[in-house]
Amino acid sequence: MKYKIGEEKGSMAVYVSVVLISMLLILTAVLLISNSVRKSQLETIIGIKQTYEADNSRADEIYKKLADTSSGNIGTEDDDLEGYVTNGLLLLYDGINNTGNGHSNTATTWKDLSGNGNDITLNNIKINEDNSLSAIDNTSYAVRDVTIPASNTIEVVAQYNTTDIGYLYALEKDDSHYFYLWNYSGSGSTLSYRYVNNGTWDVFDNITDETSILNKKIFISITFDANTNNANIYVDGQYHKTLNFPKPEAEPNTRLRLFNTINGGRPLIGGAIYSVRAYDRILTESEILQNYQQDMSKYGS
């Protein structure tokens, strides 16, 4: 009997030791994970500070990002910004994450992933399996009221699969003054950028110089300098040409329209948009190349 009791005490001691060691291992793992997460958050905070510390006008945005980071509120939107230029970013629409929580073919709003709340309502827009969005008919469009300065950068990733004429976007000051980018010729070979001034075209110029734009992704960046009235066009991350617009007003743009014209006459049926970005400043050539390389890594050619 004494031997049996001693044996039971020995087994109990071994059991208690095993439990204690297991608890210590679990606690150590928790502490290590916690420290790793905290280190990541601190690194993010430092990055935010370094990125924005020179721009006092964006204090509210800085404080919000620091607060979100410190509390651990880092979600998918931050992941979607990785690799892109964020300084001056006003809006970012991404077909891969069109809801802010992944891709949905039934969404009626295209989520702005910049964090600025510029979500855009989709009216009769088709969301495709390849993460692109396109028009269905003349009633298809998407419009966002947003102030975009006269000097700005607009970037779009798109593709045309047929020779149908179709609008990619219009940057509007009002109903009678706006820039727009579209496939003009109907031959699938002419991507054109224009400015409408009181119902007339001030500039009618082709971007692609008769190079076919069919069945391949198009990476277009357009910067506009309100001081010179020059629009610099970049194709696939490289400078392509400069267009001069003699009469665009210096007032800021007030709307961004996608997939169709103001009167609904040129829906983007034979093409699709994968992503759109707008900036409140002119990006440098190196920044445009950086964004193009990130687009390529996400969408391919």
Protein backbone atom coordinates (compact mmCIF):
# COMPACT_ATOMS: atom_id res chain seq x y z
CA MET A 1 0.00 0.00 0.00
CA LYS A 2 2.82 2.42 0.90
CA TYR A 3 4.55 1.58 -2.35
CA LYS A 4 1.35 2.29 -4.30
CA ILE A 5 0.82 5.65 -2.58
CA GLY A 6 4.44 6.64 -3.28
CA GLU A 7 4.01 5.64 -6.89
CA GLU A 8 0.86 7.77 -7.19
CA LYS A 9 2.64 10.78 -5.63
CA GLY A 10 5.49 10.37 -8.10
CA SER A 11 3.09 10.25 -11.04
CA MET A 12 1.28 13.32 -9.75
CA ALA A 13 4.57 15.22 -9.48
CA VAL A 14 5.47 14.32 -13.02
CA TYR A 15 2.00 15.41 -14.22
CA VAL A 16 2.21 18.73 -12.40
CA SER A 17 5.68 19.36 -13.82
CA VAL A 18 4.47 18.66 -17.35
CA VAL A 19 1.50 21.02 -16.90
CA LEU A 20 3.70 23.79 -15.51
CA ILE A 21 6.21 23.44 -18.34
CA SER A 22 3.40 23.49 -20.92
CA MET A 23 1.93 26.63 -19.36
CA LEU A 24 5.33 28.32 -19.36
CA LEU A 25 5.83 27.43 -23.03
CA ILE A 26 2.40 28.82 -23.95
CA LEU A 27 3.03 32.02 -21.96
CA THR A 28 6.43 32.45 -23.61
CA ALA A 29 4.88 32.02 -27.07
CA VAL A 30 2.17 34.58 -26.26
CA LEU A 31 4.74 37.09 -25.06
CA LEU A 32 6.89 36.57 -28.15
CA ILE A 33 3.91 37.02 -30.49
CA SER A 34 2.78 40.10 -28.57
CA ASN A 35 6.23 41.63 -28.77
CA SER A 36 6.44 40.85 -32.49
CA VAL A 37 3.06 42.49 -33.16
CA ARG A 38 3.99 45.51 -31.08
CA LYS A 39 7.30 45.80 -32.91
CA SER A 40 5.45 45.71 -36.24
CA GLN A 41 3.05 48.41 -35.04
CA LEU A 42 5.93 50.61 -33.89
CA GLU A 43 7.67 50.19 -37.24
CA THR A 44 4.43 51.19 -38.99
CA ILE A 45 4.07 54.26 -36.76
CA ILE A 46 7.62 55.34 -37.56
CA GLY A 47 6.93 54.85 -41.28
CA ILE A 48 3.75 56.95 -41.10
CA LYS A 49 5.60 59.72 -39.28
CA GLN A 50 8.45 59.75 -41.80
CA THR A 51 6.04 59.78 -44.74
CA TYR A 52 3.85 62.62 -43.59
CA GLU A 53 5.88 64.71 -41.15
CA ALA A 54 6.70 67.30 -43.84
CA ASP A 55 3.03 67.90 -44.69
CA ASN A 56 1.30 69.73 -41.84
CA SER A 57 -1.88 70.17 -43.89
CA ARG A 58 -2.65 66.46 -43.46
CA ALA A 59 -2.50 66.45 -39.65
CA ASP A 60 -5.95 64.87 -39.23
CA GLU A 61 -4.99 61.99 -41.50
CA ILE A 62 -1.71 61.50 -39.64
CA TYR A 63 -3.41 61.38 -36.24
CA LYS A 64 -6.01 58.90 -37.50
CA LYS A 65 -3.38 56.59 -38.98
CA LEU A 66 -1.29 56.76 -35.78
CA ALA A 67 -4.36 56.05 -33.62
CA ASP A 68 -5.45 53.12 -35.79
CA THR A 69 -1.95 51.67 -35.80
CA SER A 70 -1.42 52.06 -32.06
CA SER A 71 -4.73 50.30 -31.35
CA GLY A 72 -3.97 47.52 -33.81
CA ASN A 73 -6.66 48.55 -36.30
CA ILE A 74 -4.64 47.68 -39.39
CA GLY A 75 -6.86 46.02 -41.97
CA THR A 76 -6.94 45.01 -45.59
CA GLU A 77 -7.00 48.61 -46.86
CA ASP A 78 -3.47 49.15 -45.53
CA ASP A 79 -2.37 45.98 -47.25
CA ASP A 80 -3.83 47.24 -50.54
CA LEU A 81 -1.73 50.42 -50.31
CA GLU A 82 1.51 48.47 -49.97
CA GLY A 83 3.87 49.25 -52.83
CA TYR A 84 1.95 52.30 -54.05
CA VAL A 85 2.80 55.97 -53.60
CA THR A 86 0.50 57.22 -50.82
CA ASN A 87 1.59 60.86 -50.49
CA GLY A 88 -1.28 62.90 -51.97
CA LEU A 89 -3.48 59.87 -52.66
CA LEU A 90 -7.14 60.95 -52.79
CA LEU A 91 -8.78 57.70 -53.84
CA LEU A 92 -7.94 54.17 -54.90
CA TYR A 93 -10.39 51.75 -56.51
CA ASP A 94 -9.11 48.18 -56.86
CA GLY A 95 -11.07 45.44 -58.61
CA ILE A 96 -9.34 42.71 -56.62
CA ASN A 97 -10.60 44.16 -53.35
CA ASN A 98 -13.65 46.08 -54.52
CA THR A 99 -15.46 45.90 -51.16
CA GLY A 100 -12.62 46.57 -48.72
CA ASN A 101 -13.02 43.00 -47.51
CA GLY A 102 -12.25 41.12 -50.70
CA HIS A 103 -13.91 40.72 -54.09
CA SER A 104 -17.65 40.56 -54.68
CA ASN A 105 -19.46 40.19 -58.01
CA THR A 106 -22.65 41.67 -56.53
CA ALA A 107 -21.28 44.85 -54.92
CA THR A 108 -23.09 48.11 -55.74
CA THR A 109 -20.33 50.33 -54.32
CA TRP A 110 -16.65 50.39 -55.26
CA LYS A 111 -14.74 50.88 -52.02
CA ASP A 112 -12.11 53.62 -51.80
CA LEU A 113 -9.07 51.89 -50.30
CA SER A 114 -7.16 55.15 -49.67
CA GLY A 115 -8.99 55.61 -46.37
CA ASN A 116 -10.47 58.94 -47.48
CA GLY A 117 -14.02 57.63 -47.79
CA ASN A 118 -14.44 58.39 -51.51
CA ASP A 119 -16.46 55.24 -52.26
CA ILE A 120 -18.19 55.35 -55.65
CA THR A 121 -21.71 54.06 -56.35
CA LEU A 122 -22.00 51.63 -59.25
CA ASN A 123 -25.04 52.06 -61.50
CA ASN A 124 -25.73 49.06 -63.75
CA ILE A 125 -22.06 48.03 -63.73
CA LYS A 126 -20.92 44.45 -64.37
CA ILE A 127 -18.27 43.05 -62.03
CA ASN A 128 -16.29 40.43 -63.91
CA GLU A 129 -14.62 37.23 -62.72
CA ASP A 130 -11.16 38.58 -63.61
CA ASN A 131 -11.60 41.41 -61.03
CA SER A 132 -12.42 44.06 -63.63
CA LEU A 133 -15.56 46.20 -63.97
CA SER A 134 -17.38 47.19 -67.16
CA ALA A 135 -20.55 48.87 -68.45
CA ILE A 136 -23.65 46.94 -69.49
CA ASP A 137 -25.51 49.53 -71.57
CA ASN A 138 -26.09 53.31 -71.96
CA THR A 139 -27.48 53.51 -68.42
CA SER A 140 -24.21 52.28 -66.90
CA TYR A 141 -22.03 54.78 -65.02
CA ALA A 142 -20.34 55.59 -61.72
CA VAL A 143 -19.85 59.13 -60.38
CA ARG A 144 -18.09 60.39 -57.28
CA ASP A 145 -18.27 63.99 -56.07
CA VAL A 146 -14.71 64.69 -54.97
CA THR A 147 -12.49 67.76 -55.08
CA ILE A 148 -9.41 67.05 -57.18
CA PRO A 149 -7.07 70.05 -57.59
CA ALA A 150 -6.42 71.49 -61.03
CA SER A 151 -2.89 70.08 -60.82
CA ASN A 152 -3.26 66.36 -60.30
CA THR A 153 -2.45 62.82 -61.36
CA ILE A 154 -4.98 60.21 -62.52
CA GLU A 155 -3.94 56.59 -63.09
CA VAL A 156 -6.01 53.79 -64.57
CA VAL A 157 -5.49 50.11 -65.39
CA ALA A 158 -7.86 49.00 -68.14
CA GLN A 159 -8.33 46.71 -71.11
CA TYR A 160 -10.28 46.83 -74.39
CA ASN A 161 -11.48 43.50 -75.79
CA THR A 162 -13.50 44.82 -78.74
CA THR A 163 -13.33 47.83 -81.05
CA ASP A 164 -16.41 49.42 -79.46
CA ILE A 165 -15.97 53.06 -78.47
CA GLY A 166 -15.96 53.39 -74.68
CA TYR A 167 -15.09 55.90 -71.97
CA LEU A 168 -12.65 55.03 -69.21
CA TYR A 169 -13.07 58.16 -67.12
CA ALA A 170 -13.98 61.83 -67.14
CA LEU A 171 -12.52 64.40 -64.74
CA GLU A 172 -15.21 67.08 -64.52
CA LYS A 173 -15.15 70.69 -63.35
CA ASP A 174 -18.85 70.97 -64.22
CA ASP A 175 -21.22 69.68 -66.92
CA SER A 176 -19.54 71.80 -69.62
CA HIS A 177 -15.83 71.59 -68.69
CA TYR A 178 -14.09 68.25 -68.33
CA PHE A 179 -11.21 66.04 -69.39
CA TYR A 180 -11.86 62.51 -70.57
CA LEU A 181 -10.00 59.40 -71.69
CA TRP A 182 -11.56 56.99 -74.17
CA ASN A 183 -11.12 54.62 -77.09
CA TYR A 184 -12.12 57.01 -79.86
CA SER A 185 -11.64 55.51 -83.30
CA GLY A 186 -13.63 52.33 -82.87
CA SER A 187 -10.77 50.53 -84.62
CA GLY A 188 -9.20 49.41 -81.36
CA SER A 189 -6.06 51.39 -82.09
CA THR A 190 -6.61 54.89 -80.76
CA LEU A 191 -6.73 55.85 -77.11
CA SER A 192 -7.54 59.58 -76.95
CA TYR A 193 -7.44 62.27 -74.26
CA ARG A 194 -9.57 65.39 -74.64
CA TYR A 195 -10.75 68.53 -72.90
CA VAL A 196 -14.28 69.82 -73.44
CA ASN A 197 -14.75 73.58 -73.04
CA ASN A 198 -18.38 74.69 -73.16
CA GLY A 199 -19.35 71.85 -75.46
CA THR A 200 -16.39 72.08 -77.86
CA TRP A 201 -13.19 70.04 -77.96
CA ASP A 202 -10.19 72.22 -77.18
CA VAL A 203 -7.78 69.35 -77.72
CA PHE A 204 -8.24 66.17 -79.68
CA ASP A 205 -5.10 64.10 -79.49
CA ASN A 206 -4.35 60.41 -79.65
CA ILE A 207 -2.21 58.81 -76.97
CA THR A 208 -1.41 55.43 -78.44
CA ASP A 209 -0.19 56.56 -81.88
CA GLU A 210 -2.01 53.81 -83.75
CA THR A 211 -0.57 51.10 -81.52
CA SER A 212 -3.22 48.47 -80.90
CA ILE A 213 -4.73 48.51 -77.42
CA LEU A 214 -6.83 45.38 -77.88
CA ASN A 215 -6.68 42.35 -75.58
CA LYS A 216 -3.96 43.59 -73.28
CA LYS A 217 -3.90 45.64 -70.13
CA ILE A 218 -3.24 49.35 -70.50
CA PHE A 219 -1.45 51.20 -67.71
CA ILE A 220 -2.07 54.93 -68.19
CA SER A 221 -0.92 57.77 -65.92
CA ILE A 222 -1.82 61.37 -66.75
CA THR A 223 -0.48 64.34 -64.82
CA PHE A 224 -1.89 67.83 -65.34
CA ASP A 225 -0.02 71.01 -64.47
CA ALA A 226 -2.42 73.94 -64.07
CA ASN A 227 0.49 76.41 -64.32
CA THR A 228 1.45 75.32 -67.84
CA ASN A 229 -1.80 73.63 -68.98
CA ASN A 230 0.31 70.63 -69.96
CA ALA A 231 -0.78 67.04 -69.53
CA ASN A 232 2.05 64.52 -69.42
CA ILE A 233 0.98 61.07 -70.61
CA TYR A 234 2.68 57.92 -69.32
CA VAL A 235 2.08 54.48 -70.80
CA ASP A 236 3.27 51.36 -68.95
CA GLY A 237 5.20 53.48 -66.47
CA GLN A 238 7.16 55.39 -69.13
CA TYR A 239 6.79 58.97 -70.37
CA HIS A 240 4.99 58.94 -73.71
CA LYS A 241 4.04 62.48 -74.76
CA THR A 242 2.88 65.92 -73.60
CA LEU A 243 -0.43 67.49 -74.62
CA ASN A 244 -1.04 71.22 -74.22
CA PHE A 245 -4.56 72.40 -73.39
CA PRO A 246 -4.99 76.10 -74.20
CA LYS A 247 -8.15 76.85 -72.21
CA PRO A 248 -8.74 74.61 -69.21
CA GLU A 249 -9.98 76.57 -66.20
CA ALA A 250 -7.76 76.66 -63.13
CA GLU A 251 -10.64 75.77 -60.80
CA PRO A 252 -10.43 72.37 -59.14
CA ASN A 253 -12.26 69.38 -60.54
CA THR A 254 -15.39 68.41 -58.63
CA ARG A 255 -16.36 64.96 -59.99
CA LEU A 256 -14.82 61.75 -61.22
CA ARG A 257 -16.97 59.77 -63.68
CA LEU A 258 -16.22 56.20 -64.80
CA PHE A 259 -17.51 53.90 -67.57
CA ASN A 260 -19.55 56.44 -69.56
CA THR A 261 -20.07 60.04 -70.71
CA ILE A 262 -22.18 62.67 -68.98
CA ASN A 263 -25.07 62.02 -71.37
CA GLY A 264 -24.61 58.24 -71.33
CA GLY A 265 -23.68 57.90 -74.97
CA ARG A 266 -20.39 55.98 -74.81
CA PRO A 267 -20.55 53.12 -72.28
CA LEU A 268 -17.46 51.00 -71.69
CA ILE A 269 -19.05 47.76 -72.92
CA GLY A 270 -16.16 46.36 -74.96
CA GLY A 271 -13.60 47.08 -72.26
CA ALA A 272 -13.10 47.06 -68.51
CA ILE A 273 -11.38 48.89 -65.67
CA TYR A 274 -9.23 47.10 -63.10
CA SER A 275 -8.06 49.99 -60.97
CA VAL A 276 -8.24 53.80 -60.65
CA ARG A 277 -6.15 56.18 -58.53
CA ALA A 278 -6.31 59.96 -58.11
CA TYR A 279 -3.70 62.21 -56.48
CA ASP A 280 -3.87 65.82 -55.39
CA ARG A 281 -0.44 66.53 -56.86
CA ILE A 282 1.78 65.77 -59.86
CA LEU A 283 3.64 62.51 -59.37
CA THR A 284 7.26 62.29 -60.42
CA GLU A 285 8.42 59.91 -63.14
CA SER A 286 9.96 57.60 -60.53
CA GLU A 287 6.70 57.53 -58.55
CA ILE A 288 4.70 56.70 -61.68
CA LEU A 289 7.12 53.88 -62.46
CA GLN A 290 6.76 52.60 -58.89
CA ASN A 291 2.97 52.48 -59.18
CA TYR A 292 3.17 50.78 -62.58
CA GLN A 293 5.46 48.08 -61.21
CA GLN A 294 3.03 47.46 -58.34
CA ASP A 295 0.12 47.28 -60.80
CA MET A 296 2.03 44.78 -62.90
CA SER A 297 2.67 42.59 -59.87
CA LYS A 298 -1.09 42.57 -59.13
CA TYR A 299 -2.73 42.50 -62.55
CA GLY A 300 -0.08 41.23 -64.97
CA SER A 301 0.18 42.32 -68.59
